[in-house]
Every structure is written in C-alpha cells, then in structure tokens.
C-alpha cells in the first residue's frame, strides 16, 4: 500500500498532463473533476481525491466522487 501511494504521488501530475495534451485541452476548460472514492487502497485513493479536490477548489468547478465498480 505504501509503495502504491508513493507511485501515485510521483505519477499523477505527468499522467494528468499527458491526458490533457492527448485530449487537446487545458485544465481550465474542464467542466468538473471526478475522482475514485472507493474501492481501493486508502493511500492511493487519498492521493487522487486530494489532487482532484485541489483542482476543483482552485478553479471553482464541481467535484464528483465516483465508486468505480
């Protein structure tokens, strides 16, 4: 679990940047932000949720918690 959390922290920004580039848009163009709330390893879920919450708060956009199953 600890290694997964660290890997999520290390890779979340590059993965989001690559996804935005592939989609041809910017983070400011997003209408809302979604994150996986469960199930999963708590550390990894916290990384994703806090990243999404930060983006949503800073850009004043809706935040959507998703149960990915």
Protein backbone atom coordinates (compact mmCIF):
# COMPACT_ATOMS: atom_id res chain seq x y z
CA UNK A 1 0.00 0.00 0.00
CA UNK A 2 2.78 2.46 0.84
CA UNK A 3 4.57 1.87 -2.45
CA UNK A 4 1.33 2.33 -4.38
CA UNK A 5 0.66 5.65 -2.65
CA UNK A 6 4.16 6.90 -3.41
CA UNK A 7 3.83 5.82 -7.05
CA UNK A 8 0.52 7.67 -7.33
CA UNK A 9 2.09 10.84 -5.93
CA UNK A 10 5.03 10.52 -8.32
CA UNK A 11 2.95 9.93 -11.44
CA UNK A 12 -0.31 11.84 -11.00
CA UNK A 13 0.86 15.16 -12.49
CA UNK A 14 2.60 13.63 -15.54
CA UNK A 15 -0.40 11.37 -16.24
CA UNK A 16 -2.89 14.25 -16.00
CA UNK A 17 -0.66 16.43 -18.19
CA UNK A 18 -0.42 13.67 -20.81
CA UNK A 19 -4.19 13.10 -20.76
CA UNK A 20 -4.89 16.80 -21.23
CA UNK A 21 -2.38 17.02 -24.06
CA UNK A 22 -3.89 13.95 -25.77
CA UNK A 23 -7.37 15.47 -25.44
CA UNK A 24 -6.17 18.80 -26.80
CA UNK A 25 -7.47 20.85 -23.90
CA UNK A 26 -6.36 22.61 -20.75
CA UNK A 27 -7.32 22.04 -17.13
CA UNK A 28 -9.16 25.39 -17.16
CA UNK A 29 -11.50 24.06 -19.85
CA UNK A 30 -12.77 21.21 -17.64
CA UNK A 31 -16.40 21.47 -16.52
CA UNK A 32 -15.92 19.31 -13.41
CA UNK A 33 -13.45 16.94 -11.74
CA UNK A 34 -14.14 13.35 -10.72
CA UNK A 35 -12.15 11.01 -8.51
CA UNK A 36 -12.42 7.41 -7.34
CA UNK A 37 -13.71 7.33 -3.78
CA UNK A 38 -13.78 3.53 -3.44
CA UNK A 39 -12.91 0.73 -3.55
CA UNK A 40 -9.14 0.73 -3.36
CA UNK A 41 -6.10 1.25 -1.21
CA UNK A 42 -6.73 4.20 1.09
CA UNK A 43 -3.37 5.88 0.45
CA UNK A 44 -3.80 5.81 -3.30
CA UNK A 45 -7.40 6.97 -3.01
CA UNK A 46 -6.28 9.89 -0.84
CA UNK A 47 -3.72 11.00 -3.42
CA UNK A 48 -6.33 11.07 -6.18
CA UNK A 49 -9.05 12.65 -4.08
CA UNK A 50 -6.82 15.42 -2.76
CA UNK A 51 -5.46 16.16 -6.22
CA UNK A 52 -8.99 16.39 -7.65
CA UNK A 53 -10.22 18.47 -4.70
CA UNK A 54 -7.33 20.90 -5.15
CA UNK A 55 -8.08 21.36 -8.85
CA UNK A 56 -11.81 21.73 -8.28
CA UNK A 57 -11.35 24.22 -5.45
CA UNK A 58 -8.73 26.32 -7.24
CA UNK A 59 -10.79 26.51 -10.44
CA UNK A 60 -14.19 26.72 -8.68
CA UNK A 61 -15.55 23.65 -10.51
CA UNK A 62 -17.77 20.81 -9.28
CA UNK A 63 -16.18 17.75 -7.69
CA UNK A 64 -17.70 14.30 -8.26
CA UNK A 65 -16.88 11.25 -6.12
CA UNK A 66 -17.17 8.00 -8.11
CA UNK A 67 -17.45 4.39 -6.99
CA UNK A 68 -15.57 2.84 -9.90
CA UNK A 69 -17.14 -0.61 -9.73
